[in-house]
Protein backbone atom coordinates (compact mmCIF):
# COMPACT_ATOMS: atom_id res chain seq x y z
CA MET A 1 -14.47 21.20 -1.46
CA ARG A 2 -13.43 22.49 1.95
CA GLU A 3 -9.75 23.09 2.51
CA GLU A 4 -8.29 19.95 4.04
CA LYS A 5 -5.64 19.95 6.76
CA VAL A 6 -2.73 17.52 6.92
CA SER A 7 0.19 17.42 9.33
CA LEU A 8 3.84 16.72 8.62
CA VAL A 9 6.37 16.02 11.38
CA ALA A 10 10.07 15.18 11.17
CA CYS A 11 11.18 11.88 12.72
CA ASP A 12 14.54 10.36 11.78
CA SER A 13 14.44 7.01 13.61
CA TYR A 14 12.11 4.27 14.81
CA GLY A 15 13.08 4.74 18.45
CA ARG A 16 10.04 4.33 20.66
CA GLU A 17 10.29 7.77 22.25
CA PRO A 18 10.84 9.87 19.08
CA VAL A 19 8.13 8.00 17.18
CA GLY A 20 5.68 8.40 20.06
CA GLU A 21 6.37 12.13 20.23
CA ALA A 22 6.07 12.54 16.44
CA VAL A 23 2.76 10.65 16.22
CA ALA A 24 1.35 12.62 19.17
CA GLU A 25 2.39 15.90 17.53
CA ALA A 26 0.96 14.89 14.15
CA LEU A 27 -2.43 14.16 15.74
CA ASP A 28 -2.39 17.16 18.07
CA LEU A 29 -1.82 19.51 15.14
CA LEU A 30 -5.12 18.27 13.74
CA GLY A 31 -7.14 18.57 16.94
CA GLY A 32 -6.03 15.47 18.79
CA VAL A 33 -7.50 12.00 18.96
CA GLU A 34 -10.62 13.39 20.66
CA SER A 35 -11.59 14.96 17.32
CA ILE A 36 -11.49 11.55 15.63
CA THR A 37 -13.27 9.20 18.04
CA GLY A 38 -14.98 9.20 21.41
CA PRO A 39 -15.18 7.22 24.67
CA GLY A 40 -16.46 3.68 24.24
CA GLN A 41 -16.19 3.70 20.46
CA SER A 42 -14.55 0.75 18.71
CA VAL A 43 -11.38 1.63 16.77
CA PHE A 44 -9.76 -0.61 14.16
CA ILE A 45 -6.09 0.14 13.39
CA LYS A 46 -5.15 -1.11 9.91
CA PRO A 47 -1.40 -0.99 9.06
CA ASN A 48 0.27 -2.20 5.88
CA ALA A 49 1.10 -5.82 6.72
CA VAL A 50 1.04 -7.16 3.17
CA PHE A 51 3.00 -10.27 4.11
CA ALA A 52 5.38 -11.66 6.75
CA ALA A 53 8.19 -9.13 6.34
CA ALA A 54 10.56 -8.00 9.09
CA PRO A 55 9.68 -4.76 10.92
CA ASP A 56 12.80 -2.96 9.64
CA SER A 57 12.41 -4.12 6.02
CA GLY A 58 10.62 -0.96 4.89
CA ILE A 59 7.97 -3.18 3.30
CA VAL A 60 5.45 -3.04 6.15
CA THR A 61 4.35 -0.28 8.52
CA ASN A 62 6.92 -0.19 11.28
CA PRO A 63 5.44 -1.58 14.52
CA GLU A 64 6.70 1.39 16.56
CA VAL A 65 4.48 3.70 14.50
CA VAL A 66 1.54 1.35 15.05
CA ARG A 67 2.32 1.20 18.77
CA ALA A 68 2.30 4.99 19.01
CA VAL A 69 -1.00 5.30 17.11
CA ILE A 70 -2.63 2.73 19.43
CA ALA A 71 -1.36 4.64 22.49
CA GLU A 72 -2.98 7.84 21.22
CA PHE A 73 -6.38 6.23 20.65
CA GLN A 74 -6.25 4.42 23.99
CA LYS A 75 -6.29 7.85 25.62
CA VAL A 76 -9.95 7.99 24.58
CA THR A 77 -11.20 4.40 24.28
CA ASP A 78 -10.22 0.93 25.49
CA ASP A 79 -11.83 -0.76 22.49
CA VAL A 80 -8.90 -0.84 20.04
CA THR A 81 -8.32 -3.66 17.56
CA LEU A 82 -5.24 -4.16 15.38
CA GLY A 83 -5.17 -6.18 12.18
CA ASP A 84 -4.87 -6.50 8.41
CA SER A 85 -5.70 -8.82 5.53
CA PRO A 86 -2.37 -9.89 4.01
CA GLY A 87 -1.90 -11.09 0.45
CA GLY A 88 -2.72 -14.78 -0.03
CA PRO A 89 -4.99 -17.05 2.03
CA PHE A 90 -7.03 -15.23 4.68
CA ASN A 91 -7.01 -17.62 7.60
CA GLN A 92 -5.85 -17.64 11.19
CA THR A 93 -2.64 -19.54 10.43
CA MET A 94 -1.56 -16.95 7.87
CA LEU A 95 -2.58 -14.07 10.12
CA LYS A 96 -0.60 -15.45 13.07
CA ARG A 97 2.52 -15.81 10.95
CA VAL A 98 2.23 -12.30 9.52
CA TYR A 99 1.50 -10.70 12.90
CA GLU A 100 4.45 -12.42 14.56
CA LYS A 101 6.97 -11.68 11.79
CA THR A 102 5.98 -8.02 11.33
CA GLY A 103 6.12 -7.26 15.06
CA LEU A 104 2.39 -6.52 15.32
CA ALA A 105 1.82 -9.42 17.72
CA ASP A 106 4.35 -7.90 20.15
CA VAL A 107 2.62 -4.52 19.84
CA ALA A 108 -0.74 -6.08 20.66
CA ARG A 109 0.67 -7.97 23.65
CA ASP A 110 2.41 -4.87 25.03
CA SER A 111 -0.42 -2.40 24.43
CA GLY A 112 -3.40 -4.57 25.28
CA ALA A 113 -4.99 -3.92 21.90
CA LYS A 114 -6.95 -6.82 20.48
CA LEU A 115 -5.28 -8.65 17.58
CA CYS A 116 -7.83 -9.38 14.87
CA PHE A 117 -8.27 -12.97 13.70
CA ASP A 118 -11.79 -12.42 12.40
CA THR A 119 -11.84 -13.58 8.76
CA ARG A 120 -15.50 -12.87 8.07
CA ALA A 121 -16.30 -10.82 4.98
CA LEU A 122 -19.08 -8.40 4.22
CA ASP A 123 -20.58 -7.74 0.78
CA ILE A 124 -21.50 -4.10 0.37
CA SER A 125 -23.25 -2.08 -2.31
CA PHE A 126 -21.23 0.85 -3.64
CA PRO A 127 -23.32 2.41 -6.44
CA GLN A 128 -21.05 5.46 -6.74
CA GLY A 129 -18.06 3.33 -7.73
CA LYS A 130 -16.62 3.90 -11.18
CA VAL A 131 -15.49 0.36 -12.00
CA ILE A 132 -17.09 -1.71 -9.23
CA LYS A 133 -20.58 -1.27 -7.78
CA ARG A 134 -20.55 -4.12 -5.28
CA LEU A 135 -17.53 -5.41 -3.41
CA THR A 136 -16.38 -7.58 -0.53
CA LEU A 137 -14.55 -6.08 2.45
CA CYS A 138 -13.28 -7.35 5.81
CA ARG A 139 -16.21 -7.20 8.18
CA SER A 140 -14.17 -6.28 11.25
CA MET A 141 -12.72 -3.20 9.56
CA VAL A 142 -15.86 -1.69 8.07
CA GLU A 143 -18.08 -2.38 11.09
CA ALA A 144 -15.77 -0.62 13.56
CA ASP A 145 -16.98 2.78 14.75
CA CYS A 146 -13.65 4.27 13.63
CA LEU A 147 -11.28 2.87 11.00
CA VAL A 148 -7.71 4.22 11.14
CA SER A 149 -5.30 3.45 8.30
CA VAL A 150 -1.59 3.45 9.19
CA ALA A 151 0.02 3.25 5.77
CA LYS A 152 3.58 2.79 4.53
CA PHE A 153 5.04 4.93 1.75
CA LYS A 154 7.11 2.99 -0.78
CA SER A 155 7.46 2.36 -4.50
CA HIS A 156 5.19 -0.15 -6.24
CA ARG A 157 5.83 -1.77 -9.59
CA PHE A 158 2.23 -1.56 -10.82
CA MET A 159 0.96 1.72 -9.28
CA ASN A 160 4.35 3.51 -8.98
CA VAL A 161 3.84 4.12 -5.24
CA THR A 162 1.91 2.68 -2.32
CA GLY A 163 0.64 5.12 0.27
CA PRO A 164 -2.50 6.09 2.15
CA ILE A 165 -4.80 5.56 -0.86
CA LYS A 166 -3.75 2.03 -1.75
CA ASN A 167 -3.37 0.89 1.87
CA LEU A 168 -7.13 0.33 2.06
CA TYR A 169 -6.92 -2.20 -0.77
CA GLY A 170 -5.94 -4.39 2.18
CA ALA A 171 -9.53 -4.08 3.42
CA ILE A 172 -10.38 -6.67 0.77
CA PRO A 173 -10.12 -10.16 2.33
CA GLY A 174 -7.36 -12.52 1.23
CA THR A 175 -7.54 -14.00 -2.22
CA THR A 176 -10.52 -11.81 -3.16
CA LYS A 177 -7.82 -9.20 -3.86
CA LEU A 178 -6.47 -11.48 -6.57
CA ALA A 179 -9.90 -11.99 -8.11
CA TYR A 180 -10.35 -8.23 -8.40
CA HIS A 181 -6.81 -7.86 -9.71
CA SER A 182 -7.61 -10.35 -12.45
CA ARG A 183 -10.76 -8.47 -13.46
CA PHE A 184 -8.99 -5.11 -13.60
CA ASP A 185 -5.64 -6.06 -15.09
CA GLY A 186 -4.72 -2.78 -16.80
CA GLU A 187 -3.01 0.03 -14.92
CA LEU A 188 -5.81 2.55 -15.44
CA GLY A 189 -8.59 0.14 -14.52
CA PHE A 190 -6.75 -1.09 -11.45
CA ALA A 191 -6.01 2.48 -10.32
CA ASP A 192 -9.74 3.25 -10.54
CA LEU A 193 -10.47 0.06 -8.59
CA VAL A 194 -8.04 1.15 -5.84
CA VAL A 195 -9.85 4.48 -5.60
CA ASP A 196 -13.26 2.77 -5.46
CA VAL A 197 -12.13 0.39 -2.70
CA HIS A 198 -10.58 3.27 -0.77
CA LEU A 199 -13.81 5.25 -0.89
CA ALA A 200 -15.94 2.23 -0.02
CA ALA A 201 -13.82 1.30 3.02
CA ALA A 202 -14.27 4.91 4.24
CA ALA A 203 -11.45 5.20 6.78
CA ASP A 204 -11.93 7.98 9.33
CA PHE A 205 -8.26 8.92 9.68
CA HIS A 206 -4.86 8.22 8.15
CA VAL A 207 -1.32 8.10 9.52
CA LEU A 208 1.59 7.65 7.12
CA ASP A 209 4.93 6.03 8.00
CA ALA A 210 7.55 7.64 5.74
CA ILE A 211 10.54 7.51 8.10
CA ASP A 212 12.34 4.79 6.12
CA VAL A 213 10.97 4.18 2.64
CA ILE A 214 11.71 1.97 -0.37
CA ASP A 215 12.20 3.46 -3.80
CA GLY A 216 13.22 1.99 -7.15
CA ASP A 217 11.87 -1.34 -8.37
CA GLY A 218 9.27 -2.05 -5.74
CA SER A 219 9.33 -3.36 -2.22
CA ARG A 220 11.33 -6.54 -2.90
CA LYS A 221 13.95 -5.15 -5.30
CA GLY A 222 14.02 -1.50 -4.31
CA THR A 223 16.40 0.49 -2.09
CA LEU A 224 15.70 1.18 1.58
CA ARG A 225 16.43 4.83 2.33
CA LYS A 226 15.66 7.60 4.79
CA MET A 227 12.80 10.05 4.22
CA GLY A 228 12.46 11.00 7.88
CA VAL A 229 8.82 12.11 8.18
CA LEU A 230 5.46 11.10 9.59
CA ALA A 231 2.24 12.57 8.23
CA ALA A 232 -1.44 12.43 9.16
CA GLY A 233 -4.85 13.66 8.09
CA GLU A 234 -8.47 12.80 7.42
CA ASN A 235 -8.11 13.00 3.64
CA ALA A 236 -5.85 10.35 2.11
CA PHE A 237 -5.74 12.10 -1.27
CA ALA A 238 -4.34 15.25 0.33
CA LEU A 239 -1.93 13.14 2.36
CA GLU A 240 -0.67 11.31 -0.73
CA SER A 241 -0.24 14.57 -2.61
CA LEU A 242 1.73 15.94 0.33
CA ILE A 243 4.13 13.00 0.59
CA LEU A 244 4.72 12.97 -3.17
CA GLY A 245 5.77 16.60 -2.91
CA VAL A 246 8.13 15.78 -0.04
CA ALA A 247 9.67 13.08 -2.25
CA GLY A 248 10.04 15.50 -5.15
CA LEU A 249 7.39 13.75 -7.24
CA GLU A 250 4.32 14.97 -9.10
CA PRO A 251 0.70 14.01 -8.25
CA SER A 252 0.53 12.09 -11.55
CA ASP A 253 3.38 9.85 -10.32
CA SER A 254 0.84 8.07 -8.09
CA LYS A 255 -1.51 6.27 -10.43
CA PRO A 256 -4.33 6.03 -7.84
CA LEU A 257 -4.03 9.75 -7.00
CA HIS A 258 -3.96 10.62 -10.69
CA ALA A 259 -7.11 8.51 -11.18
CA ALA A 260 -8.83 10.30 -8.30
CA MET A 261 -7.94 13.70 -9.75
CA ARG A 262 -9.06 12.64 -13.23
CA ARG A 263 -12.43 11.60 -11.78
CA GLY A 264 -12.89 14.76 -9.73
CA VAL A 265 -12.69 12.89 -6.42
CA CYS A 266 -10.13 15.48 -5.33
CA PRO A 267 -8.76 18.66 -6.89
CA THR A 268 -5.55 18.80 -8.88
CA GLY A 269 -2.48 20.59 -7.58
CA SER A 270 -1.60 21.16 -3.92
CA ASP A 271 -3.38 24.40 -3.02
CA TRP A 272 -6.53 22.66 -1.75
CA TYR A 273 -5.01 21.51 1.53
CA GLU A 274 -3.09 23.18 4.34
CA VAL A 275 0.05 21.61 5.77
CA LEU A 276 0.45 21.98 9.53
CA GLY A 277 3.77 21.52 11.32
CA ASP A 278 7.31 22.69 10.87
CA GLY A 279 8.83 22.76 7.43
CA VAL A 280 10.56 19.44 6.76
CA GLU A 281 13.52 18.91 4.46
CA SER A 282 13.62 15.27 3.48
CA PRO A 283 16.84 13.62 2.26
CA CYS A 284 14.64 12.17 -0.51
CA ASP A 285 13.59 15.61 -1.76
CA GLY A 286 13.86 15.44 -5.55
CA ASP A 287 15.72 12.14 -5.40
CA PHE A 288 13.04 9.48 -4.91
CA GLU A 289 13.25 6.91 -7.73
CA LEU A 290 10.12 5.40 -9.21
CA PRO A 291 10.13 1.82 -10.55
CA SER A 292 11.71 1.26 -13.93
CA GLU A 293 9.08 1.35 -16.65
CA ASN A 294 6.67 -1.58 -16.76
CA LEU A 295 6.21 -1.66 -20.51
CA PHE A 296 2.93 -3.53 -20.22
CA SER A 297 1.32 -0.12 -19.69
CA GLU A 298 -1.47 1.68 -21.44
CA ARG A 299 1.13 3.86 -23.13
CA ALA A 300 2.75 0.85 -24.75
CA LEU A 301 -0.55 -0.92 -25.40
CA ALA A 302 -1.80 2.10 -27.27
CA LEU A 303 0.84 1.29 -29.87
CA LEU A 304 1.34 -2.43 -29.66
CA SER A 305 -0.76 -5.34 -28.44
CA GLY A 306 -1.18 -9.07 -28.64
CA ARG A 307 1.93 -11.08 -29.38
CA LEU A 308 4.08 -7.98 -29.86
CA THR A 309 3.79 -7.13 -26.17
CA ARG A 310 5.94 -10.18 -25.46
CA LEU A 311 8.73 -8.45 -27.37
CA ILE A 312 8.61 -5.29 -25.25
CA ALA A 313 7.09 -6.12 -21.86
CA ALA A 314 9.06 -6.47 -18.64
CA THR A 315 8.15 -9.89 -17.27
CA PRO A 316 8.64 -11.79 -14.00
CA HIS A 317 11.32 -14.48 -14.11
CA PRO A 318 11.69 -16.92 -11.17
CA LEU A 319 15.37 -17.49 -10.41
CA PRO A 320 16.63 -21.10 -10.23
CA GLY A 321 18.86 -21.51 -7.21
CA VAL A 322 17.01 -18.78 -5.34
CA CYS A 323 13.43 -20.00 -5.79
CA THR A 324 12.50 -22.55 -3.12
CA ARG A 325 9.43 -23.78 -5.05
CA CYS A 326 7.30 -22.93 -2.00
CA GLY A 327 4.33 -22.21 -4.25
CA LYS A 328 3.45 -18.82 -2.74
CA CYS A 329 3.72 -17.06 -6.11
CA ALA A 330 1.33 -19.55 -7.67
CA GLU A 331 -1.15 -18.95 -4.84
CA VAL A 332 -1.16 -15.18 -5.27
CA CYS A 333 -1.10 -14.98 -9.08
CA PRO A 334 -4.46 -13.48 -10.10
CA ARG A 335 -4.43 -15.21 -13.50
CA GLY A 336 -3.08 -18.64 -12.47
CA ALA A 337 -0.07 -18.07 -14.70
CA ILE A 338 2.50 -19.70 -12.39
CA SER A 339 3.24 -23.37 -11.83
CA MET A 340 6.05 -25.25 -10.10
CA GLY A 341 8.76 -26.46 -12.47
CA ARG A 342 11.56 -28.90 -11.74
CA ARG A 343 14.08 -26.24 -10.66
CA ALA A 344 11.93 -23.19 -9.99
CA ALA A 345 8.51 -21.66 -10.49
CA GLU A 346 7.55 -21.14 -14.12
CA VAL A 347 5.48 -18.29 -15.61
CA ASP A 348 3.12 -18.75 -18.54
CA LEU A 349 3.54 -15.40 -20.28
CA ARG A 350 0.38 -15.98 -22.32
CA LYS A 351 -1.59 -15.60 -19.07
CA CYS A 352 0.67 -13.19 -17.17
CA ILE A 353 -0.74 -9.64 -16.81
CA ARG A 354 2.55 -8.19 -15.51
CA CYS A 355 1.07 -7.05 -12.19
CA PHE A 356 4.20 -8.36 -10.37
CA CYS A 357 2.21 -9.62 -7.37
CA CYS A 358 4.59 -12.60 -7.40
CA ASP A 359 7.58 -10.27 -7.01
CA GLU A 360 5.92 -8.19 -4.31
CA LEU A 361 4.92 -11.16 -2.15
CA CYS A 362 7.93 -13.44 -2.60
CA GLU A 363 9.72 -13.67 0.74
CA PHE A 364 12.91 -15.02 -0.85
CA LYS A 365 13.47 -12.30 -3.48
CA ALA A 366 13.38 -15.09 -6.05
CA ILE A 367 11.52 -13.23 -8.81
CA GLY A 368 13.78 -11.53 -11.30
CA ILE A 369 12.60 -9.10 -13.99
CA ARG A 370 13.40 -9.68 -17.64
CA ARG A 371 13.39 -6.72 -20.01
CA PRO A 372 13.69 -7.62 -23.71
CA LEU A 373 16.09 -5.52 -25.77
CA LEU A 374 13.25 -4.02 -27.83
CA GLY A 375 11.44 -3.12 -24.64
CA ARG A 376 14.52 -1.41 -23.21
CA LEU A 377 14.91 0.61 -26.42
CA LEU A 378 11.22 1.57 -26.58
CA GLY A 379 11.25 2.40 -22.88
CA ARG A 380 13.43 5.40 -23.57
CA GLY A 381 10.67 6.75 -25.76
CA VAL A 382 7.60 6.04 -23.60
CA ARG A 383 9.09 6.91 -20.21
CA SER A 384 7.67 10.12 -18.87
C-alpha cells in the first residue's frame, strides 16, 4: 500500500475565521481542493447530522466546519450539495427538522449550496464485502462526482468511537440502517458491516471535526470537552488512526478500525501514513475516556449466553418523568423491542440487542443505563 498523507491542524474554537483558516490549511497541505475535484463536477458534502441536535452539542458536525468545507470546494465548482440521512424516517419533514436544528439549513442559505431533500435509494452490488454483498445507499451521495465526508469525532456506546469510518454509515437511507443493525447485532459483525458500507460508499475525501468532542458514555450521556484539532485526508482509516493517537487511544479502541486492520483493509500501526502540519498537543492527549463497558460484548458472550446475559448486560432503561413518550426510540429500535408504557417507554429485554440506538437518538436524554451488580463485578475482569 502506498504511504497515505493526512493533515492535522490546531483550531481551538468554532469562530468562523479560525475554522475557515484551519480547513483551508488542512486541504492545502494535501494539495488543495483542485487535487480532489474539478470545474463543473458535482460535489456532495456529507456531515454527521445523525438527528436534530444543536450545533454546539458536540453530537453533530459543527456547521462552521461544514461552511468552511463548502467554501473551499466552491473555489472550483458551483455544483455543491449538502445533506445527510439521519436516524429514523427518511422523508422531507424529518430532513427539514434536522437541517434547521443542526444549523445546516443556515449554512446552505448563506453559501448557496443546495440542501438535499432527495430520498431516493440505490441498490448496489458489492461482491468484495465481507458480511454484505448487496446494499442500499442514498442515491444522491453515491451518484455525485465527488463525495466528501465531514465527520465528527466522539465516543459511541456500541463501536467505542465514531469518526471518519463510521460517518459513511449515514449513506444508508433512513430506517434501512435499523434493518442492517438488526441483521448484524454483535459488535464484531456490526464493525465489519460499517467497514463494508464505508468501502461501498467510496468517499473521495474526508474532513474530521475534532475541535470539541464527546467522550465517556456516548453522545447523549458523555462529556463535551476540547480536543482542538481539525484533520483531513483521502484515507479514512489513516485519519481515524491519527485521531485516536491524538486522543491517546490505540487503533484497537475503534472497533471499525480494528475490523479493517484484522481484514487487511489497512495496515496495523501508524507508520503507513505521513502526518502533515504542525505538531499538535491536544488537551485530550492520553485522557480521552471510552464508554463504560457494554457487557453484551463478544468477550462476555464467549463465556456466558442466553438468559445469563440478562444478569450481566448493561441495558437501556427509559426514565419516567424524563421520557415524554414521543415514540422516537420505538421507531429507531432495530429489533422492535420498545413500546410505549403508561409512564414511559418500556424495553423488552428478550428482544433488546444492547445497541443503544435508543440512547443515541433520544433528544430528551431519557434513556438511562442499568448495570446489574454481577455485570459490574465481571466488568472489572473483562475490561481491556
